[in-house]
């Protein structure tokens, strides 16, 4: 069983949580173009390695929080409340290649 640490409730089994996408995505201004709005809605990083993600503790406190998780191994490195400072990505992640989507 995979344990996820909620910063409000502590470690709980993964079945209590839902992944809610990439964290720290800034909403564009109301006057943005259609392309900017589409990028906000649909374009996300999707690489192998460590990512900052938003999760929700649906079967517990119901709150959203952020984690640093390895997308291949499901290793959770850190969890932190929304609005707190982002923790560093582990050093081994910096050495690997990263592919970016160019439109």
PDB file of N, CA and C in Angstrom:
ATOM      1  N   UNK A   1       0.838  -1.179   0.000  1.00  0.00           N
ATOM      2  CA  UNK A   1       0.000   0.000   0.000  1.00  0.00           C
ATOM      3  C   UNK A   1       0.887   1.247   0.000  1.00  0.00           C
ATOM      4  N   UNK A   2       0.493   2.215  -0.781  1.00  0.00           N
ATOM      5  CA  UNK A   2       1.200   3.484  -0.871  1.00  0.00           C
ATOM      6  C   UNK A   2       0.631   4.439   0.166  1.00  0.00           C
ATOM      7  N   UNK A   3       1.504   5.055   0.949  1.00  0.00           N
ATOM      8  CA  UNK A   3       1.072   6.048   1.925  1.00  0.00           C
ATOM      9  C   UNK A   3       1.352   7.445   1.400  1.00  0.00           C
ATOM     10  N   UNK A   4       0.368   8.306   1.502  1.00  0.00           N
ATOM     11  CA  UNK A   4       0.504   9.704   1.116  1.00  0.00           C
ATOM     12  C   UNK A   4       0.380  10.523   2.391  1.00  0.00           C
ATOM     13  N   UNK A   5       1.296  11.472   2.581  1.00  0.00           N
ATOM     14  CA  UNK A   5       1.250  12.296   3.784  1.00  0.00           C
ATOM     15  C   UNK A   5       0.495  13.578   3.516  1.00  0.00           C
ATOM     16  N   UNK A   6      -0.671  13.692   4.124  1.00  0.00           N
ATOM     17  CA  UNK A   6      -1.446  14.929   4.070  1.00  0.00           C
ATOM     18  C   UNK A   6      -0.830  15.883   5.088  1.00  0.00           C
ATOM     19  N   UNK A   7      -0.515  17.126   4.722  1.00  0.00           N
ATOM     20  CA  UNK A   7       0.099  18.043   5.683  1.00  0.00           C
ATOM     21  C   UNK A   7      -0.859  18.430   6.817  1.00  0.00           C
ATOM     22  N   UNK A   8      -2.135  18.110   6.678  1.00  0.00           N
ATOM     23  CA  UNK A   8      -3.118  18.426   7.713  1.00  0.00           C
ATOM     24  C   UNK A   8      -3.443  17.214   8.591  1.00  0.00           C
ATOM     25  N   UNK A   9      -3.467  16.007   7.996  1.00  0.00           N
ATOM     26  CA  UNK A   9      -3.923  14.801   8.705  1.00  0.00           C
ATOM     27  C   UNK A   9      -2.831  13.768   8.952  1.00  0.00           C
ATOM     28  N   UNK A  10      -1.682  13.897   8.284  1.00  0.00           N
ATOM     29  CA  UNK A  10      -0.622  12.906   8.428  1.00  0.00           C
ATOM     30  C   UNK A  10      -0.718  11.812   7.374  1.00  0.00           C
ATOM     31  N   UNK A  11       0.091  10.755   7.526  1.00  0.00           N
ATOM     32  CA  UNK A  11       0.119   9.678   6.528  1.00  0.00           C
ATOM     33  C   UNK A  11      -1.202   8.903   6.491  1.00  0.00           C
ATOM     34  N   UNK A  12      -1.685   8.677   5.268  1.00  0.00           N
ATOM     35  CA  UNK A  12      -2.928   7.940   5.050  1.00  0.00           C
ATOM     36  C   UNK A  12      -2.762   7.079   3.793  1.00  0.00           C
ATOM     37  N   UNK A  13      -3.574   6.019   3.638  1.00  0.00           N
ATOM     38  CA  UNK A  13      -3.480   5.191   2.430  1.00  0.00           C
ATOM     39  C   UNK A  13      -3.901   5.956   1.179  1.00  0.00           C
ATOM     40  N   UNK A  14      -3.294   5.615   0.065  1.00  0.00           N
ATOM     41  CA  UNK A  14      -3.514   6.340  -1.187  1.00  0.00           C
ATOM     42  C   UNK A  14      -4.969   6.366  -1.633  1.00  0.00           C
ATOM     43  N   UNK A  15      -5.764   5.412  -1.230  1.00  0.00           N
ATOM     44  CA  UNK A  15      -7.156   5.347  -1.674  1.00  0.00           C
ATOM     45  C   UNK A  15      -7.977   6.542  -1.178  1.00  0.00           C
ATOM     46  N   UNK A  16      -7.483   7.253  -0.170  1.00  0.00           N
ATOM     47  CA  UNK A  16      -8.181   8.423   0.374  1.00  0.00           C
ATOM     48  C   UNK A  16      -7.943   9.693  -0.443  1.00  0.00           C
ATOM     49  N   UNK A  17      -7.065   9.638  -1.446  1.00  0.00           N
ATOM     50  CA  UNK A  17      -6.628  10.836  -2.150  1.00  0.00           C
ATOM     51  C   UNK A  17      -6.978  10.789  -3.632  1.00  0.00           C
ATOM     52  N   UNK A  18      -7.010  11.968  -4.238  1.00  0.00           N
ATOM     53  CA  UNK A  18      -7.155  12.110  -5.686  1.00  0.00           C
ATOM     54  C   UNK A  18      -6.109  13.092  -6.182  1.00  0.00           C
ATOM     55  N   UNK A  19      -5.462  12.723  -7.277  1.00  0.00           N
ATOM     56  CA  UNK A  19      -4.476  13.600  -7.891  1.00  0.00           C
ATOM     57  C   UNK A  19      -5.233  14.649  -8.684  1.00  0.00           C
ATOM     58  N   UNK A  20      -4.804  15.903  -8.584  1.00  0.00           N
ATOM     59  CA  UNK A  20      -5.538  17.005  -9.220  1.00  0.00           C
ATOM     60  C   UNK A  20      -4.679  17.792 -10.205  1.00  0.00           C
ATOM     61  N   UNK A  21      -3.644  17.169 -10.749  1.00  0.00           N
ATOM     62  CA  UNK A  21      -2.861  17.813 -11.789  1.00  0.00           C
ATOM     63  C   UNK A  21      -1.604  18.493 -11.291  1.00  0.00           C
ATOM     64  N   UNK A  22      -0.969  19.161 -12.204  1.00  0.00           N
ATOM     65  CA  UNK A  22       0.286  19.856 -11.927  1.00  0.00           C
ATOM     66  C   UNK A  22       0.041  21.046 -10.999  1.00  0.00           C
ATOM     67  N   UNK A  23       0.931  21.250 -10.064  1.00  0.00           N
ATOM     68  CA  UNK A  23       0.807  22.356  -9.110  1.00  0.00           C
ATOM     69  C   UNK A  23       1.449  23.627  -9.660  1.00  0.00           C
ATOM     70  N   UNK A  24       1.095  24.739  -9.064  1.00  0.00           N
ATOM     71  CA  UNK A  24       1.692  26.051  -9.340  1.00  0.00           C
ATOM     72  C   UNK A  24       1.444  26.523 -10.776  1.00  0.00           C
ATOM     73  N   UNK A  25       0.245  26.306 -11.276  1.00  0.00           N
ATOM     74  CA  UNK A  25      -0.150  26.794 -12.589  1.00  0.00           C
ATOM     75  C   UNK A  25      -0.890  28.118 -12.376  1.00  0.00           C
ATOM     76  N   UNK A  26      -0.352  29.183 -12.916  1.00  0.00           N
ATOM     77  CA  UNK A  26      -0.961  30.508 -12.743  1.00  0.00           C
ATOM     78  C   UNK A  26      -2.086  30.714 -13.752  1.00  0.00           C
ATOM     79  N   UNK A  27      -3.224  31.152 -13.263  1.00  0.00           N
ATOM     80  CA  UNK A  27      -4.364  31.434 -14.139  1.00  0.00           C
ATOM     81  C   UNK A  27      -4.073  32.717 -14.924  1.00  0.00           C
ATOM     82  N   UNK A  28      -4.323  32.715 -16.234  1.00  0.00           N
ATOM     83  CA  UNK A  28      -4.036  33.917 -17.028  1.00  0.00           C
ATOM     84  C   UNK A  28      -5.050  35.030 -16.740  1.00  0.00           C
ATOM     85  N   UNK A  29      -4.715  36.222 -17.176  1.00  0.00           N
ATOM     86  CA  UNK A  29      -5.607  37.376 -17.001  1.00  0.00           C
ATOM     87  C   UNK A  29      -6.891  37.174 -17.794  1.00  0.00           C
ATOM     88  N   UNK A  30      -7.924  37.842 -17.386  1.00  0.00           N
ATOM     89  CA  UNK A  30      -9.233  37.707 -18.037  1.00  0.00           C
ATOM     90  C   UNK A  30      -9.194  38.162 -19.495  1.00  0.00           C
ATOM     91  N   UNK A  31      -8.230  38.986 -19.840  1.00  0.00           N
ATOM     92  CA  UNK A  31      -8.111  39.486 -21.212  1.00  0.00           C
ATOM     93  C   UNK A  31      -7.177  38.631 -22.071  1.00  0.00           C
ATOM     94  N   UNK A  32      -6.900  37.406 -21.668  1.00  0.00           N
ATOM     95  CA  UNK A  32      -5.966  36.566 -22.417  1.00  0.00           C
ATOM     96  C   UNK A  32      -6.567  36.111 -23.740  1.00  0.00           C
ATOM     97  N   UNK A  33      -5.688  35.679 -24.624  1.00  0.00           N
ATOM     98  CA  UNK A  33      -6.129  35.189 -25.936  1.00  0.00           C
ATOM     99  C   UNK A  33      -6.666  33.763 -25.803  1.00  0.00           C
ATOM    100  N   UNK A  34      -7.306  33.294 -26.856  1.00  0.00           N
ATOM    101  CA  UNK A  34      -7.809  31.924 -26.869  1.00  0.00           C
ATOM    102  C   UNK A  34      -6.672  30.910 -26.737  1.00  0.00           C
ATOM    103  N   UNK A  35      -5.543  31.190 -27.379  1.00  0.00           N
ATOM    104  CA  UNK A  35      -4.387  30.290 -27.281  1.00  0.00           C
ATOM    105  C   UNK A  35      -3.842  30.238 -25.857  1.00  0.00           C
ATOM    106  N   UNK A  36      -3.763  31.383 -25.196  1.00  0.00           N
ATOM    107  CA  UNK A  36      -3.297  31.409 -23.801  1.00  0.00           C
ATOM    108  C   UNK A  36      -4.255  30.649 -22.896  1.00  0.00           C
ATOM    109  N   UNK A  37      -5.547  30.797 -23.118  1.00  0.00           N
ATOM    110  CA  UNK A  37      -6.537  30.088 -22.309  1.00  0.00           C
ATOM    111  C   UNK A  37      -6.446  28.571 -22.545  1.00  0.00           C
ATOM    112  N   UNK A  38      -6.283  28.160 -23.799  1.00  0.00           N
ATOM    113  CA  UNK A  38      -6.128  26.737 -24.119  1.00  0.00           C
ATOM    114  C   UNK A  38      -4.870  26.170 -23.474  1.00  0.00           C
ATOM    115  N   UNK A  39      -3.771  26.932 -23.499  1.00  0.00           N
ATOM    116  CA  UNK A  39      -2.542  26.491 -22.827  1.00  0.00           C
ATOM    117  C   UNK A  39      -2.775  26.296 -21.339  1.00  0.00           C
ATOM    118  N   UNK A  40      -3.491  27.217 -20.715  1.00  0.00           N
ATOM    119  CA  UNK A  40      -3.780  27.112 -19.284  1.00  0.00           C
ATOM    120  C   UNK A  40      -4.611  25.857 -18.980  1.00  0.00           C
ATOM    121  N   UNK A  41      -5.587  25.570 -19.804  1.00  0.00           N
ATOM    122  CA  UNK A  41      -6.480  24.439 -19.552  1.00  0.00           C
ATOM    123  C   UNK A  41      -5.857  23.086 -19.850  1.00  0.00           C
ATOM    124  N   UNK A  42      -5.065  22.998 -20.930  1.00  0.00           N
ATOM    125  CA  UNK A  42      -4.676  21.689 -21.433  1.00  0.00           C
ATOM    126  C   UNK A  42      -3.181  21.379 -21.450  1.00  0.00           C
ATOM    127  N   UNK A  43      -2.319  22.350 -21.513  1.00  0.00           N
ATOM    128  CA  UNK A  43      -0.893  22.083 -21.679  1.00  0.00           C
ATOM    129  C   UNK A  43      -0.217  21.941 -20.310  1.00  0.00           C
ATOM    130  N   UNK A  44       0.307  20.762 -20.064  1.00  0.00           N
ATOM    131  CA  UNK A  44       0.989  20.479 -18.806  1.00  0.00           C
ATOM    132  C   UNK A  44       2.283  19.732 -19.086  1.00  0.00           C
ATOM    133  N   UNK A  45       3.235  19.875 -18.166  1.00  0.00           N
ATOM    134  CA  UNK A  45       4.431  19.045 -18.235  1.00  0.00           C
ATOM    135  C   UNK A  45       4.003  17.606 -17.963  1.00  0.00           C
ATOM    136  N   UNK A  46       4.596  16.672 -18.660  1.00  0.00           N
ATOM    137  CA  UNK A  46       4.265  15.268 -18.459  1.00  0.00           C
ATOM    138  C   UNK A  46       5.531  14.461 -18.714  1.00  0.00           C
ATOM    139  N   UNK A  47       6.486  14.629 -17.841  1.00  0.00           N
ATOM    140  CA  UNK A  47       7.766  13.977 -18.046  1.00  0.00           C
ATOM    141  C   UNK A  47       8.009  12.934 -16.965  1.00  0.00           C
ATOM    142  N   UNK A  48       8.936  12.055 -17.223  1.00  0.00           N
ATOM    143  CA  UNK A  48       9.342  11.076 -16.224  1.00  0.00           C
ATOM    144  C   UNK A  48      10.251  11.778 -15.237  1.00  0.00           C
ATOM    145  N   UNK A  49       9.991  11.579 -13.976  1.00  0.00           N
ATOM    146  CA  UNK A  49      10.835  12.174 -12.956  1.00  0.00           C
ATOM    147  C   UNK A  49      10.008  12.891 -11.903  1.00  0.00           C
ATOM    148  N   UNK A  50      10.661  13.748 -11.147  1.00  0.00           N
ATOM    149  CA  UNK A  50       9.999  14.458 -10.063  1.00  0.00           C
ATOM    150  C   UNK A  50       9.165  15.619 -10.588  1.00  0.00           C
ATOM    151  N   UNK A  51       7.953  15.728 -10.057  1.00  0.00           N
ATOM    152  CA  UNK A  51       7.050  16.820 -10.424  1.00  0.00           C
ATOM    153  C   UNK A  51       6.358  17.335  -9.171  1.00  0.00           C
ATOM    154  N   UNK A  52       5.989  18.600  -9.224  1.00  0.00           N
ATOM    155  CA  UNK A  52       5.148  19.169  -8.169  1.00  0.00           C
ATOM    156  C   UNK A  52       3.700  19.020  -8.618  1.00  0.00           C
ATOM    157  N   UNK A  53       2.895  18.370  -7.789  1.00  0.00           N
ATOM    158  CA  UNK A  53       1.509  18.091  -8.149  1.00  0.00           C
ATOM    159  C   UNK A  53       0.570  18.566  -7.043  1.00  0.00           C
ATOM    160  N   UNK A  54      -0.669  18.788  -7.433  1.00  0.00           N
ATOM    161  CA  UNK A  54      -1.725  19.128  -6.478  1.00  0.00           C
ATOM    162  C   UNK A  54      -2.526  17.864  -6.201  1.00  0.00           C
ATOM    163  N   UNK A  55      -2.813  17.614  -4.922  1.00  0.00           N
ATOM    164  CA  UNK A  55      -3.602  16.465  -4.507  1.00  0.00           C
ATOM    165  C   UNK A  55      -4.710  16.936  -3.579  1.00  0.00           C
ATOM    166  N   UNK A  56      -5.740  16.111  -3.439  1.00  0.00           N
ATOM    167  CA  UNK A  56      -6.849  16.418  -2.525  1.00  0.00           C
ATOM    168  C   UNK A  56      -7.119  15.207  -1.649  1.00  0.00           C
ATOM    169  N   UNK A  57      -7.282  15.451  -0.362  1.00  0.00           N
ATOM    170  CA  UNK A  57      -7.590  14.397   0.598  1.00  0.00           C
ATOM    171  C   UNK A  57      -9.111  14.253   0.675  1.00  0.00           C
ATOM    172  N   UNK A  58      -9.699  13.552  -0.294  1.00  0.00           N
ATOM    173  CA  UNK A  58     -11.155  13.494  -0.433  1.00  0.00           C
ATOM    174  C   UNK A  58     -11.827  12.710   0.686  1.00  0.00           C
ATOM    175  N   UNK A  59     -11.185  11.680   1.215  1.00  0.00           N
ATOM    176  CA  UNK A  59     -11.798  10.855   2.260  1.00  0.00           C
ATOM    177  C   UNK A  59     -11.354  11.281   3.654  1.00  0.00           C
ATOM    178  N   UNK A  60     -10.745  12.442   3.756  1.00  0.00           N
ATOM    179  CA  UNK A  60     -10.293  12.950   5.043  1.00  0.00           C
ATOM    180  C   UNK A  60     -10.747  14.375   5.232  1.00  0.00           C
ATOM    181  N   UNK A  61      -9.785  15.273   5.300  1.00  0.00           N
ATOM    182  CA  UNK A  61     -10.091  16.688   5.569  1.00  0.00           C
ATOM    183  C   UNK A  61     -10.692  17.410   4.365  1.00  0.00           C
ATOM    184  N   UNK A  62     -10.554  16.848   3.153  1.00  0.00           N
ATOM    185  CA  UNK A  62     -11.111  17.465   1.956  1.00  0.00           C
ATOM    186  C   UNK A  62     -10.286  18.599   1.393  1.00  0.00           C
ATOM    187  N   UNK A  63      -9.138  18.880   1.970  1.00  0.00           N
ATOM    188  CA  UNK A  63      -8.310  20.005   1.540  1.00  0.00           C
ATOM    189  C   UNK A  63      -7.363  19.624   0.408  1.00  0.00           C
ATOM    190  N   UNK A  64      -7.021  20.646  -0.374  1.00  0.00           N
ATOM    191  CA  UNK A  64      -6.003  20.498  -1.408  1.00  0.00           C
ATOM    192  C   UNK A  64      -4.640  20.784  -0.792  1.00  0.00           C
ATOM    193  N   UNK A  65      -3.619  20.108  -1.304  1.00  0.00           N
ATOM    194  CA  UNK A  65      -2.237  20.360  -0.897  1.00  0.00           C
ATOM    195  C   UNK A  65      -1.338  19.970  -2.055  1.00  0.00           C
ATOM    196  N   UNK A  66      -0.060  20.288  -1.958  1.00  0.00           N
ATOM    197  CA  UNK A  66       0.904  20.001  -3.020  1.00  0.00           C
ATOM    198  C   UNK A  66       1.896  18.948  -2.566  1.00  0.00           C
ATOM    199  N   UNK A  67       2.410  18.198  -3.514  1.00  0.00           N
ATOM    200  CA  UNK A  67       3.437  17.195  -3.228  1.00  0.00           C
ATOM    201  C   UNK A  67       4.536  17.275  -4.277  1.00  0.00           C
ATOM    202  N   UNK A  68       5.680  16.715  -3.941  1.00  0.00           N
ATOM    203  CA  UNK A  68       6.737  16.442  -4.922  1.00  0.00           C
ATOM    204  C   UNK A  68       6.765  14.932  -5.032  1.00  0.00           C
ATOM    205  N   UNK A  69       6.486  14.421  -6.256  1.00  0.00           N
ATOM    206  CA  UNK A  69       6.371  12.982  -6.473  1.00  0.00           C
ATOM    207  C   UNK A  69       7.123  12.582  -7.734  1.00  0.00           C
ATOM    208  N   UNK A  70       7.748  11.405  -7.686  1.00  0.00           N
ATOM    209  CA  UNK A  70       8.396  10.845  -8.863  1.00  0.00           C
ATOM    210  C   UNK A  70       7.327  10.104  -9.659  1.00  0.00           C
ATOM    211  N   UNK A  71       7.152  10.468 -10.915  1.00  0.00           N
ATOM    212  CA  UNK A  71       6.043   9.944 -11.709  1.00  0.00           C
ATOM    213  C   UNK A  71       6.220   8.489 -12.143  1.00  0.00           C
ATOM    214  N   UNK A  72       7.421   7.958 -12.067  1.00  0.00           N
ATOM    215  CA  UNK A  72       7.645   6.566 -12.455  1.00  0.00           C
ATOM    216  C   UNK A  72       7.564   5.649 -11.239  1.00  0.00           C
ATOM    217  N   UNK A  73       8.227   6.032 -10.159  1.00  0.00           N
ATOM    218  CA  UNK A  73       8.300   5.173  -8.971  1.00  0.00           C
ATOM    219  C   UNK A  73       7.205   5.467  -7.946  1.00  0.00           C
ATOM    220  N   UNK A  74       6.474   6.544  -8.113  1.00  0.00           N
ATOM    221  CA  UNK A  74       5.461   7.005  -7.141  1.00  0.00           C
ATOM    222  C   UNK A  74       6.060   7.352  -5.782  1.00  0.00           C
ATOM    223  N   UNK A  75       7.345   7.651  -5.756  1.00  0.00           N
ATOM    224  CA  UNK A  75       7.992   8.043  -4.506  1.00  0.00           C
ATOM    225  C   UNK A  75       7.612   9.493  -4.174  1.00  0.00           C
ATOM    226  N   UNK A  76       7.010   9.690  -3.009  1.00  0.00           N
ATOM    227  CA  UNK A  76       6.655  11.020  -2.536  1.00  0.00           C
ATOM    228  C   UNK A  76       7.821  11.560  -1.719  1.00  0.00           C
ATOM    229  N   UNK A  77       8.356  12.702  -2.133  1.00  0.00           N
ATOM    230  CA  UNK A  77       9.507  13.292  -1.468  1.00  0.00           C
ATOM    231  C   UNK A  77       9.069  14.299  -0.418  1.00  0.00           C
ATOM    232  N   UNK A  78       8.010  15.050  -0.716  1.00  0.00           N
ATOM    233  CA  UNK A  78       7.548  16.095   0.203  1.00  0.00           C
ATOM    234  C   UNK A  78       6.076  16.371  -0.028  1.00  0.00           C
ATOM    235  N   UNK A  79       5.408  16.821   1.017  1.00  0.00           N
ATOM    236  CA  UNK A  79       4.051  17.348   0.874  1.00  0.00           C
ATOM    237  C   UNK A  79       4.010  18.663   1.630  1.00  0.00           C
ATOM    238  N   UNK A  80       3.258  19.616   1.103  1.00  0.00           N
ATOM    239  CA  UNK A  80       3.219  20.938   1.715  1.00  0.00           C
ATOM    240  C   UNK A  80       1.892  21.616   1.396  1.00  0.00           C
ATOM    241  N   UNK A  81       1.502  22.528   2.263  1.00  0.00           N
ATOM    242  CA  UNK A  81       0.233  23.225   2.119  1.00  0.00           C
ATOM    243  C   UNK A  81       0.282  24.207   0.946  1.00  0.00           C
ATOM    244  N   UNK A  82      -0.875  24.440   0.341  1.00  0.00           N
ATOM    245  CA  UNK A  82      -0.971  25.428  -0.729  1.00  0.00           C
ATOM    246  C   UNK A  82      -0.584  26.786  -0.156  1.00  0.00           C
ATOM    247  N   UNK A  83       0.282  27.491  -0.853  1.00  0.00           N
ATOM    248  CA  UNK A  83       0.746  28.791  -0.395  1.00  0.00           C
ATOM    249  C   UNK A  83       2.088  28.748   0.310  1.00  0.00           C
ATOM    250  N   UNK A  84       2.526  27.580   0.741  1.00  0.00           N
ATOM    251  CA  UNK A  84       3.846  27.461   1.357  1.00  0.00           C
ATOM    252  C   UNK A  84       4.923  27.455   0.278  1.00  0.00           C
ATOM    253  N   UNK A  85       6.151  27.715   0.700  1.00  0.00           N
ATOM    254  CA  UNK A  85       7.274  27.728  -0.229  1.00  0.00           C
ATOM    255  C   UNK A  85       7.492  26.344  -0.836  1.00  0.00           C
ATOM    256  N   UNK A  86       7.822  26.324  -2.129  1.00  0.00           N
ATOM    257  CA  UNK A  86       8.055  25.063  -2.828  1.00  0.00           C
ATOM    258  C   UNK A  86       9.333  24.412  -2.309  1.00  0.00           C
ATOM    259  N   UNK A  87       9.291  23.109  -1.988  1.00  0.00           N
ATOM    260  CA  UNK A  87      10.532  22.422  -1.623  1.00  0.00           C
ATOM    261  C   UNK A  87      11.374  22.152  -2.866  1.00  0.00           C
ATOM    262  N   UNK A  88      12.640  21.938  -2.658  1.00  0.00           N
ATOM    263  CA  UNK A  88      13.552  21.672  -3.779  1.00  0.00           C
ATOM    264  C   UNK A  88      13.279  20.295  -4.374  1.00  0.00           C
ATOM    265  N   UNK A  89      13.474  20.189  -5.669  1.00  0.00           N
ATOM    266  CA  UNK A  89      13.424  18.899  -6.350  1.00  0.00           C
ATOM    267  C   UNK A  89      14.746  18.190  -6.044  1.00  0.00           C
ATOM    268  N   UNK A  90      14.720  16.882  -5.769  1.00  0.00           N
ATOM    269  CA  UNK A  90      15.967  16.170  -5.462  1.00  0.00           C
ATOM    270  C   UNK A  90      17.031  16.354  -6.538  1.00  0.00           C
ATOM    271  N   UNK A  91      18.286  16.333  -6.125  1.00  0.00           N
ATOM    272  CA  UNK A  91      19.416  16.633  -7.009  1.00  0.00           C
ATOM    273  C   UNK A  91      19.502  15.697  -8.212  1.00  0.00           C
ATOM    274  N   UNK A  92      19.155  14.429  -8.054  1.00  0.00           N
ATOM    275  CA  UNK A  92      19.266  13.490  -9.181  1.00  0.00           C
ATOM    276  C   UNK A  92      18.312  13.849 -10.314  1.00  0.00           C
ATOM    277  N   UNK A  93      17.270  14.591 -10.033  1.00  0.00           N
ATOM    278  CA  UNK A  93      16.331  14.996 -11.082  1.00  0.00           C
ATOM    279  C   UNK A  93      16.931  16.065 -11.987  1.00  0.00           C
ATOM    280  N   UNK A  94      17.820  16.870 -11.467  1.00  0.00           N
ATOM    281  CA  UNK A  94      18.405  17.954 -12.249  1.00  0.00           C
ATOM    282  C   UNK A  94      19.332  17.426 -13.352  1.00  0.00           C
ATOM    283  N   UNK A  95      19.878  16.230 -13.167  1.00  0.00           N
ATOM    284  CA  UNK A  95      20.836  15.689 -14.127  1.00  0.00           C
ATOM    285  C   UNK A  95      20.174  15.112 -15.377  1.00  0.00           C
ATOM    286  N   UNK A  96      18.908  14.703 -15.254  1.00  0.00           N
ATOM    287  CA  UNK A  96      18.244  14.036 -16.369  1.00  0.00           C
ATOM    288  C   UNK A  96      17.709  15.000 -17.410  1.00  0.00           C
ATOM    289  N   UNK A  97      17.480  14.501 -18.630  1.00  0.00           N
ATOM    290  CA  UNK A  97      16.943  15.359 -19.691  1.00  0.00           C
ATOM    291  C   UNK A  97      15.466  15.663 -19.447  1.00  0.00           C
ATOM    292  N   UNK A  98      15.026  16.796 -19.945  1.00  0.00           N
ATOM    293  CA  UNK A  98      13.637  17.175 -19.822  1.00  0.00           C
ATOM    294  C   UNK A  98      13.145  17.631 -21.195  1.00  0.00           C
ATOM    295  N   UNK A  99      12.022  17.105 -21.606  1.00  0.00           N
ATOM    296  CA  UNK A  99      11.467  17.421 -22.902  1.00  0.00           C
ATOM    297  C   UNK A  99      10.349  18.442 -22.710  1.00  0.00           C
ATOM    298  N   UNK A 100      10.375  19.496 -23.498  1.00  0.00           N
ATOM    299  CA  UNK A 100       9.334  20.501 -23.423  1.00  0.00           C
ATOM    300  C   UNK A 100       8.560  20.519 -24.734  1.00  0.00           C
ATOM    301  N   UNK A 101       7.271  20.753 -24.634  1.00  0.00           N
ATOM    302  CA  UNK A 101       6.401  20.814 -25.799  1.00  0.00           C
ATOM    303  C   UNK A 101       6.465  22.235 -26.348  1.00  0.00           C
ATOM    304  N   UNK A 102       6.700  22.353 -27.655  1.00  0.00           N
ATOM    305  CA  UNK A 102       6.766  23.664 -28.302  1.00  0.00           C
ATOM    306  C   UNK A 102       5.627  23.732 -29.292  1.00  0.00           C
ATOM    307  N   UNK A 103       4.842  24.797 -29.176  1.00  0.00           N
ATOM    308  CA  UNK A 103       3.699  24.955 -30.098  1.00  0.00           C
ATOM    309  C   UNK A 103       4.036  25.943 -31.165  1.00  0.00           C
TER     310      UNK A 103
END
